[in-house]
N, C-alpha and C. Protein backbone atom coordinates (compact mmCIF):
# COMPACT_ATOMS: atom_id res chain seq x y z
N MET A 1 -20.80 -24.57 19.24
CA MET A 1 -19.58 -24.56 18.45
C MET A 1 -18.49 -25.26 19.26
N PRO A 2 -17.82 -26.26 18.69
CA PRO A 2 -16.74 -26.94 19.40
C PRO A 2 -15.64 -25.95 19.75
N LEU A 3 -14.92 -26.29 20.82
CA LEU A 3 -13.88 -25.38 21.32
C LEU A 3 -12.86 -25.04 20.24
N SER A 4 -12.42 -26.03 19.45
CA SER A 4 -11.40 -25.77 18.44
C SER A 4 -11.91 -24.79 17.38
N ASN A 5 -13.17 -24.94 16.96
CA ASN A 5 -13.74 -24.01 15.99
C ASN A 5 -13.92 -22.62 16.60
N ARG A 6 -14.36 -22.61 17.87
CA ARG A 6 -14.54 -21.33 18.55
C ARG A 6 -13.19 -20.63 18.73
N ALA A 7 -12.18 -21.41 19.14
CA ALA A 7 -10.85 -20.85 19.31
C ALA A 7 -10.32 -20.32 17.98
N SER A 8 -10.60 -21.05 16.91
CA SER A 8 -10.16 -20.61 15.59
C SER A 8 -10.88 -19.31 15.19
N ALA A 9 -12.17 -19.23 15.46
CA ALA A 9 -12.93 -18.02 15.14
C ALA A 9 -12.45 -16.85 16.00
N ASP A 10 -12.18 -17.11 17.27
CA ASP A 10 -11.66 -16.06 18.16
C ASP A 10 -10.30 -15.56 17.66
N ARG A 11 -9.48 -16.50 17.22
CA ARG A 11 -8.16 -16.13 16.71
C ARG A 11 -8.30 -15.28 15.44
N GLU A 12 -9.18 -15.69 14.53
CA GLU A 12 -9.40 -14.91 13.31
C GLU A 12 -9.90 -13.50 13.64
N GLN A 13 -10.79 -13.40 14.61
CA GLN A 13 -11.28 -12.08 15.03
C GLN A 13 -10.15 -11.24 15.64
N ALA A 14 -9.31 -11.89 16.43
CA ALA A 14 -8.19 -11.17 17.04
C ALA A 14 -7.23 -10.67 15.95
N ILE A 15 -6.94 -11.51 14.96
CA ILE A 15 -6.05 -11.10 13.87
C ILE A 15 -6.68 -9.94 13.10
N ALA A 16 -7.96 -10.03 12.81
CA ALA A 16 -8.64 -8.94 12.10
C ALA A 16 -8.61 -7.65 12.92
N GLY A 17 -8.80 -7.77 14.22
CA GLY A 17 -8.76 -6.60 15.09
C GLY A 17 -7.39 -5.94 15.12
N VAL A 18 -6.34 -6.77 15.21
CA VAL A 18 -4.98 -6.22 15.20
C VAL A 18 -4.70 -5.54 13.86
N LEU A 19 -5.09 -6.19 12.76
CA LEU A 19 -4.89 -5.57 11.44
C LEU A 19 -5.62 -4.24 11.34
N ASP A 20 -6.84 -4.18 11.84
CA ASP A 20 -7.58 -2.92 11.83
C ASP A 20 -6.84 -1.84 12.61
N GLU A 21 -6.34 -2.20 13.78
CA GLU A 21 -5.66 -1.22 14.62
C GLU A 21 -4.33 -0.77 14.03
N LEU A 22 -3.61 -1.69 13.40
CA LEU A 22 -2.30 -1.34 12.85
C LEU A 22 -2.40 -0.56 11.54
N THR A 23 -3.53 -0.65 10.85
CA THR A 23 -3.63 -0.01 9.54
C THR A 23 -4.56 1.18 9.50
N VAL A 24 -5.16 1.53 10.63
CA VAL A 24 -6.05 2.69 10.64
C VAL A 24 -5.20 3.94 10.44
N TRP A 25 -5.64 4.77 9.53
CA TRP A 25 -4.92 6.00 9.21
C TRP A 25 -5.95 7.01 8.74
N THR A 26 -6.26 7.97 9.58
CA THR A 26 -7.27 8.95 9.23
C THR A 26 -6.72 9.90 8.17
N PRO A 27 -7.60 10.55 7.42
CA PRO A 27 -7.11 11.53 6.44
C PRO A 27 -6.22 12.60 7.08
N ARG A 28 -6.56 13.04 8.28
CA ARG A 28 -5.74 14.04 8.97
C ARG A 28 -4.34 13.50 9.26
N GLU A 29 -4.25 12.24 9.72
CA GLU A 29 -2.95 11.63 9.99
C GLU A 29 -2.14 11.47 8.70
N ARG A 30 -2.82 11.06 7.63
CA ARG A 30 -2.16 10.89 6.35
C ARG A 30 -1.63 12.23 5.83
N GLN A 31 -2.44 13.27 5.94
CA GLN A 31 -2.01 14.61 5.50
C GLN A 31 -0.80 15.07 6.30
N GLY A 32 -0.83 14.84 7.61
CA GLY A 32 0.30 15.23 8.46
C GLY A 32 1.56 14.49 8.08
N ALA A 33 1.44 13.20 7.79
CA ALA A 33 2.61 12.41 7.40
C ALA A 33 3.17 12.90 6.06
N PHE A 34 2.28 13.16 5.10
CA PHE A 34 2.76 13.66 3.81
C PHE A 34 3.42 15.02 3.95
N ARG A 35 2.85 15.89 4.77
CA ARG A 35 3.47 17.21 5.00
C ARG A 35 4.86 17.03 5.59
N SER A 36 4.97 16.12 6.53
CA SER A 36 6.27 15.86 7.16
C SER A 36 7.25 15.28 6.15
N TRP A 37 6.81 14.30 5.37
CA TRP A 37 7.67 13.66 4.39
C TRP A 37 8.12 14.63 3.31
N LEU A 38 7.23 15.53 2.93
CA LEU A 38 7.52 16.43 1.82
C LEU A 38 8.13 17.75 2.27
N ARG A 39 8.41 17.86 3.56
CA ARG A 39 9.02 19.08 4.08
C ARG A 39 10.33 19.35 3.33
N GLY A 40 10.59 20.59 3.04
CA GLY A 40 11.83 20.93 2.34
C GLY A 40 11.78 20.58 0.86
N SER A 41 10.58 20.51 0.30
CA SER A 41 10.40 20.26 -1.14
C SER A 41 10.88 18.89 -1.60
N LEU A 42 10.91 17.93 -0.71
CA LEU A 42 11.23 16.56 -1.13
C LEU A 42 9.98 15.94 -1.75
N SER A 43 10.14 15.39 -2.92
CA SER A 43 9.01 14.72 -3.55
C SER A 43 8.98 13.26 -3.11
N LEU A 44 7.87 12.60 -3.39
CA LEU A 44 7.79 11.17 -3.09
C LEU A 44 8.81 10.40 -3.92
N VAL A 45 9.10 10.87 -5.13
CA VAL A 45 10.12 10.21 -5.95
C VAL A 45 11.49 10.32 -5.28
N HIS A 46 11.79 11.49 -4.72
CA HIS A 46 13.07 11.65 -4.02
C HIS A 46 13.15 10.72 -2.82
N LEU A 47 12.06 10.60 -2.09
CA LEU A 47 12.04 9.67 -0.95
C LEU A 47 12.23 8.24 -1.43
N HIS A 48 11.62 7.91 -2.58
CA HIS A 48 11.77 6.57 -3.14
C HIS A 48 13.23 6.31 -3.50
N VAL A 49 13.89 7.27 -4.15
CA VAL A 49 15.31 7.11 -4.50
C VAL A 49 16.14 6.88 -3.24
N LEU A 50 15.92 7.69 -2.22
CA LEU A 50 16.69 7.55 -0.98
C LEU A 50 16.45 6.19 -0.33
N THR A 51 15.22 5.70 -0.43
CA THR A 51 14.91 4.38 0.11
C THR A 51 15.67 3.30 -0.65
N ILE A 52 15.70 3.39 -1.96
CA ILE A 52 16.42 2.42 -2.78
C ILE A 52 17.91 2.45 -2.44
N LEU A 53 18.45 3.64 -2.26
CA LEU A 53 19.89 3.78 -1.99
C LEU A 53 20.28 3.38 -0.58
N GLU A 54 19.29 3.11 0.29
CA GLU A 54 19.63 2.63 1.64
C GLU A 54 20.40 1.32 1.59
N ASP A 55 20.19 0.53 0.54
CA ASP A 55 20.92 -0.74 0.40
C ASP A 55 22.31 -0.54 -0.17
N GLY A 56 22.65 0.67 -0.56
CA GLY A 56 23.98 0.96 -1.09
C GLY A 56 23.89 1.67 -2.43
N PRO A 57 25.04 2.18 -2.89
CA PRO A 57 25.07 2.93 -4.15
C PRO A 57 24.72 2.05 -5.34
N LEU A 58 24.18 2.69 -6.37
CA LEU A 58 23.79 1.97 -7.59
C LEU A 58 24.21 2.75 -8.82
N PRO A 59 24.50 2.03 -9.92
CA PRO A 59 24.70 2.73 -11.19
C PRO A 59 23.35 3.29 -11.66
N MET A 60 23.41 4.32 -12.48
CA MET A 60 22.19 4.99 -12.93
C MET A 60 21.22 4.02 -13.61
N SER A 61 21.72 3.09 -14.40
CA SER A 61 20.83 2.16 -15.10
C SER A 61 20.04 1.29 -14.13
N ARG A 62 20.69 0.81 -13.08
CA ARG A 62 19.98 -0.03 -12.09
C ARG A 62 19.01 0.81 -11.27
N LEU A 63 19.39 2.05 -10.98
CA LEU A 63 18.48 2.94 -10.26
C LEU A 63 17.25 3.24 -11.11
N ALA A 64 17.45 3.48 -12.40
CA ALA A 64 16.33 3.73 -13.31
C ALA A 64 15.40 2.52 -13.33
N ASP A 65 15.97 1.31 -13.39
CA ASP A 65 15.15 0.09 -13.37
C ASP A 65 14.35 0.00 -12.08
N ALA A 66 14.99 0.28 -10.96
CA ALA A 66 14.30 0.20 -9.67
C ALA A 66 13.17 1.22 -9.57
N LEU A 67 13.35 2.36 -10.22
CA LEU A 67 12.31 3.40 -10.22
C LEU A 67 11.27 3.19 -11.31
N ASP A 68 11.56 2.28 -12.23
CA ASP A 68 10.72 2.01 -13.39
C ASP A 68 10.57 3.25 -14.26
N VAL A 69 11.71 3.91 -14.52
CA VAL A 69 11.75 5.08 -15.40
C VAL A 69 12.93 4.90 -16.36
N SER A 70 12.99 5.74 -17.38
CA SER A 70 14.12 5.69 -18.31
C SER A 70 15.37 6.23 -17.62
N VAL A 71 16.52 5.92 -18.19
CA VAL A 71 17.78 6.44 -17.65
C VAL A 71 17.77 7.97 -17.74
N ALA A 72 17.21 8.51 -18.82
CA ALA A 72 17.13 9.97 -18.97
C ALA A 72 16.30 10.59 -17.84
N SER A 73 15.17 9.97 -17.51
CA SER A 73 14.34 10.48 -16.41
C SER A 73 15.07 10.36 -15.08
N ALA A 74 15.72 9.22 -14.86
CA ALA A 74 16.48 9.02 -13.61
C ALA A 74 17.58 10.06 -13.50
N THR A 75 18.22 10.36 -14.61
CA THR A 75 19.29 11.36 -14.61
C THR A 75 18.74 12.72 -14.19
N GLY A 76 17.58 13.09 -14.69
CA GLY A 76 16.95 14.36 -14.29
C GLY A 76 16.61 14.38 -12.81
N ILE A 77 16.09 13.27 -12.31
CA ILE A 77 15.76 13.17 -10.88
C ILE A 77 17.02 13.34 -10.05
N ILE A 78 18.08 12.63 -10.44
CA ILE A 78 19.33 12.68 -9.68
C ILE A 78 19.96 14.07 -9.79
N ASP A 79 19.85 14.71 -10.94
CA ASP A 79 20.36 16.09 -11.08
C ASP A 79 19.71 17.00 -10.03
N ARG A 80 18.38 16.91 -9.91
CA ARG A 80 17.67 17.75 -8.93
C ARG A 80 18.06 17.39 -7.50
N MET A 81 18.23 16.11 -7.24
CA MET A 81 18.60 15.67 -5.90
C MET A 81 20.03 16.08 -5.56
N GLU A 82 20.92 16.06 -6.55
CA GLU A 82 22.29 16.54 -6.33
C GLU A 82 22.28 18.02 -5.99
N GLY A 83 21.41 18.77 -6.66
CA GLY A 83 21.29 20.20 -6.38
C GLY A 83 20.88 20.47 -4.94
N ARG A 84 20.16 19.54 -4.37
CA ARG A 84 19.73 19.66 -2.96
C ARG A 84 20.69 18.94 -2.01
N LYS A 85 21.77 18.42 -2.55
CA LYS A 85 22.82 17.74 -1.76
C LYS A 85 22.32 16.46 -1.09
N LEU A 86 21.31 15.80 -1.69
CA LEU A 86 20.78 14.56 -1.13
C LEU A 86 21.52 13.33 -1.64
N VAL A 87 22.08 13.44 -2.84
CA VAL A 87 22.84 12.35 -3.44
C VAL A 87 24.06 12.93 -4.13
N GLU A 88 24.97 12.03 -4.48
CA GLU A 88 26.14 12.43 -5.28
C GLU A 88 26.50 11.28 -6.20
N ARG A 89 27.14 11.62 -7.30
CA ARG A 89 27.63 10.61 -8.24
C ARG A 89 29.15 10.51 -8.08
N LEU A 90 29.60 9.28 -7.89
CA LEU A 90 31.04 9.03 -7.72
C LEU A 90 31.45 7.88 -8.62
N SER A 91 32.70 7.91 -9.05
CA SER A 91 33.22 6.81 -9.87
C SER A 91 33.27 5.54 -9.03
N ASP A 92 32.95 4.43 -9.69
CA ASP A 92 33.03 3.12 -9.06
C ASP A 92 34.51 2.77 -8.89
N PRO A 93 34.97 2.50 -7.65
CA PRO A 93 36.38 2.18 -7.46
C PRO A 93 36.81 0.93 -8.21
N ALA A 94 35.89 0.02 -8.48
CA ALA A 94 36.23 -1.22 -9.19
C ALA A 94 36.30 -1.01 -10.71
N ASP A 95 35.60 0.02 -11.21
CA ASP A 95 35.58 0.30 -12.65
C ASP A 95 35.35 1.79 -12.82
N ARG A 96 36.42 2.55 -12.99
CA ARG A 96 36.36 4.01 -13.02
C ARG A 96 35.46 4.55 -14.14
N ARG A 97 35.13 3.73 -15.12
CA ARG A 97 34.23 4.18 -16.20
C ARG A 97 32.78 4.23 -15.73
N ARG A 98 32.49 3.51 -14.69
CA ARG A 98 31.11 3.41 -14.19
C ARG A 98 30.90 4.41 -13.07
N VAL A 99 29.74 5.07 -13.07
CA VAL A 99 29.40 6.06 -12.06
C VAL A 99 28.30 5.49 -11.18
N LEU A 100 28.47 5.62 -9.87
CA LEU A 100 27.48 5.14 -8.91
C LEU A 100 26.80 6.33 -8.23
N VAL A 101 25.52 6.18 -7.96
CA VAL A 101 24.77 7.19 -7.22
C VAL A 101 24.77 6.79 -5.76
N HIS A 102 25.22 7.71 -4.90
CA HIS A 102 25.32 7.48 -3.45
C HIS A 102 24.39 8.46 -2.74
N ALA A 103 23.80 8.03 -1.64
CA ALA A 103 23.10 8.97 -0.76
C ALA A 103 24.17 9.73 0.03
N THR A 104 23.95 11.02 0.23
CA THR A 104 24.87 11.84 1.04
C THR A 104 24.38 11.83 2.49
N ARG A 105 25.16 12.42 3.36
CA ARG A 105 24.74 12.53 4.78
C ARG A 105 23.40 13.23 4.89
N PRO A 106 23.17 14.37 4.20
CA PRO A 106 21.84 14.99 4.28
C PRO A 106 20.72 14.07 3.75
N GLY A 107 21.04 13.25 2.75
CA GLY A 107 20.04 12.31 2.24
C GLY A 107 19.67 11.26 3.26
N VAL A 108 20.67 10.74 3.95
CA VAL A 108 20.44 9.75 5.01
C VAL A 108 19.70 10.40 6.18
N ASP A 109 20.03 11.65 6.46
CA ASP A 109 19.40 12.36 7.57
C ASP A 109 17.89 12.52 7.40
N VAL A 110 17.40 12.49 6.15
CA VAL A 110 15.96 12.63 5.91
C VAL A 110 15.20 11.58 6.70
N PHE A 111 15.63 10.31 6.60
CA PHE A 111 14.92 9.24 7.28
C PHE A 111 15.18 9.24 8.78
N GLU A 112 16.37 9.65 9.18
CA GLU A 112 16.65 9.75 10.61
C GLU A 112 15.76 10.82 11.25
N ALA A 113 15.55 11.93 10.55
CA ALA A 113 14.66 12.98 11.05
C ALA A 113 13.22 12.50 11.12
N LEU A 114 12.79 11.76 10.12
CA LEU A 114 11.43 11.21 10.14
C LEU A 114 11.25 10.23 11.30
N THR A 115 12.27 9.43 11.56
CA THR A 115 12.21 8.47 12.68
C THR A 115 12.12 9.22 14.00
N ARG A 116 12.95 10.26 14.17
CA ARG A 116 12.89 11.05 15.41
C ARG A 116 11.50 11.66 15.60
N GLU A 117 10.95 12.19 14.52
CA GLU A 117 9.62 12.81 14.60
C GLU A 117 8.55 11.78 14.94
N ARG A 118 8.64 10.62 14.31
CA ARG A 118 7.67 9.55 14.57
C ARG A 118 7.75 9.10 16.03
N ARG A 119 8.97 8.92 16.54
CA ARG A 119 9.15 8.52 17.95
C ARG A 119 8.58 9.58 18.89
N ALA A 120 8.82 10.84 18.58
CA ALA A 120 8.32 11.92 19.43
C ALA A 120 6.81 11.95 19.47
N LYS A 121 6.16 11.58 18.37
CA LYS A 121 4.69 11.58 18.34
C LYS A 121 4.11 10.32 18.98
N LEU A 122 4.83 9.20 18.91
CA LEU A 122 4.33 7.96 19.50
C LEU A 122 4.54 7.89 21.01
N ALA A 123 5.62 8.49 21.50
CA ALA A 123 5.95 8.39 22.92
C ALA A 123 4.81 8.83 23.84
N PRO A 124 4.16 9.96 23.59
CA PRO A 124 3.06 10.36 24.49
C PRO A 124 1.88 9.37 24.47
N LEU A 125 1.68 8.71 23.34
CA LEU A 125 0.60 7.72 23.27
C LEU A 125 0.95 6.50 24.12
N LEU A 126 2.19 6.05 24.00
CA LEU A 126 2.63 4.88 24.76
C LEU A 126 2.66 5.18 26.26
N GLU A 127 2.97 6.40 26.63
CA GLU A 127 3.00 6.78 28.05
C GLU A 127 1.62 6.69 28.69
N ARG A 128 0.58 6.73 27.89
CA ARG A 128 -0.78 6.65 28.44
C ARG A 128 -1.25 5.21 28.64
N MET A 129 -0.46 4.24 28.17
CA MET A 129 -0.82 2.84 28.37
C MET A 129 -0.48 2.41 29.79
N THR A 130 -1.23 1.42 30.26
CA THR A 130 -0.89 0.83 31.56
C THR A 130 0.38 0.00 31.38
N ASP A 131 1.01 -0.35 32.49
CA ASP A 131 2.21 -1.19 32.41
C ASP A 131 1.91 -2.52 31.72
N ASP A 132 0.76 -3.12 32.04
CA ASP A 132 0.39 -4.40 31.42
C ASP A 132 0.14 -4.24 29.92
N GLU A 133 -0.55 -3.17 29.52
CA GLU A 133 -0.79 -2.93 28.10
C GLU A 133 0.53 -2.72 27.35
N LEU A 134 1.40 -1.96 27.95
CA LEU A 134 2.69 -1.67 27.32
C LEU A 134 3.52 -2.95 27.17
N ALA A 135 3.57 -3.76 28.22
CA ALA A 135 4.34 -5.02 28.17
C ALA A 135 3.75 -5.96 27.11
N SER A 136 2.42 -6.08 27.06
CA SER A 136 1.78 -6.95 26.07
C SER A 136 2.04 -6.45 24.65
N PHE A 137 1.93 -5.14 24.47
CA PHE A 137 2.15 -4.55 23.15
C PHE A 137 3.59 -4.80 22.69
N LEU A 138 4.54 -4.62 23.58
CA LEU A 138 5.95 -4.84 23.25
C LEU A 138 6.20 -6.31 22.90
N THR A 139 5.61 -7.22 23.65
CA THR A 139 5.75 -8.64 23.35
C THR A 139 5.21 -8.96 21.96
N GLY A 140 4.05 -8.42 21.66
CA GLY A 140 3.45 -8.65 20.34
C GLY A 140 4.28 -8.07 19.21
N LEU A 141 4.79 -6.86 19.39
CA LEU A 141 5.61 -6.24 18.35
C LEU A 141 6.91 -7.01 18.13
N ARG A 142 7.50 -7.48 19.21
CA ARG A 142 8.73 -8.27 19.07
C ARG A 142 8.47 -9.59 18.36
N ALA A 143 7.32 -10.21 18.64
CA ALA A 143 6.95 -11.45 17.95
C ALA A 143 6.74 -11.17 16.46
N LEU A 144 6.11 -10.06 16.14
CA LEU A 144 5.90 -9.68 14.74
C LEU A 144 7.23 -9.47 14.02
N ARG A 145 8.17 -8.80 14.66
CA ARG A 145 9.49 -8.58 14.07
C ARG A 145 10.21 -9.90 13.85
N ARG A 146 10.15 -10.80 14.85
CA ARG A 146 10.81 -12.11 14.75
C ARG A 146 10.24 -12.91 13.58
N ILE A 147 8.93 -12.94 13.46
CA ILE A 147 8.29 -13.71 12.39
C ILE A 147 8.61 -13.10 11.02
N ARG A 148 8.61 -11.78 10.95
CA ARG A 148 8.96 -11.10 9.70
C ARG A 148 10.39 -11.46 9.29
N ALA A 149 11.31 -11.50 10.25
CA ALA A 149 12.70 -11.87 9.96
C ALA A 149 12.79 -13.33 9.51
N GLU A 150 12.02 -14.21 10.16
CA GLU A 150 12.02 -15.63 9.78
C GLU A 150 11.53 -15.80 8.34
N ILE A 151 10.48 -15.08 7.98
CA ILE A 151 9.93 -15.17 6.62
C ILE A 151 10.95 -14.61 5.63
N HIS A 152 11.57 -13.51 5.96
CA HIS A 152 12.60 -12.92 5.09
C HIS A 152 13.76 -13.89 4.89
N ASP A 153 14.24 -14.46 6.00
CA ASP A 153 15.36 -15.40 5.93
C ASP A 153 14.99 -16.64 5.10
N SER A 154 13.77 -17.11 5.28
CA SER A 154 13.31 -18.28 4.54
C SER A 154 13.22 -17.98 3.04
N ALA A 155 12.71 -16.80 2.70
CA ALA A 155 12.61 -16.41 1.29
C ALA A 155 13.99 -16.21 0.68
N ALA A 156 14.93 -15.69 1.43
CA ALA A 156 16.29 -15.46 0.93
C ALA A 156 17.01 -16.77 0.70
N GLY A 157 16.66 -17.79 1.46
CA GLY A 157 17.31 -19.10 1.33
C GLY A 157 16.79 -19.91 0.17
N GLN A 158 15.71 -19.50 -0.46
CA GLN A 158 15.13 -20.30 -1.56
C GLN A 158 15.76 -20.00 -2.87
């Protein structure tokens, strides 16, 4: 096999190996993540709403579209989330007739708590890596973030 073909095959194998490592998720790990995410009776729909609202407040109609549900269904979801103090409805300062759904501090804290928990679980794994493994892993992750940002920026410019 010529060097260029061999190098290409080695690269494809390396990419496949990295994808395998980054996407492996055992049923036990998945169950643990869902238990963590759903702690405090948060549903996946509530997490989805909070994720959508990370970009800023939205009127109910746009939130319903983003959730792919009717405005009536979105209203019910937001009613339950308001009861848990995760979101609030406030008048739009630009048009007082329009109501915007905002994430509250407790709503934002949901993801901050998940991030803290994720970091606490990953830290002991990273501590077991050698200095060389850790440096290589960090270099690769930073390259992945840079390329993801380049692709995002390129798509936004089109």
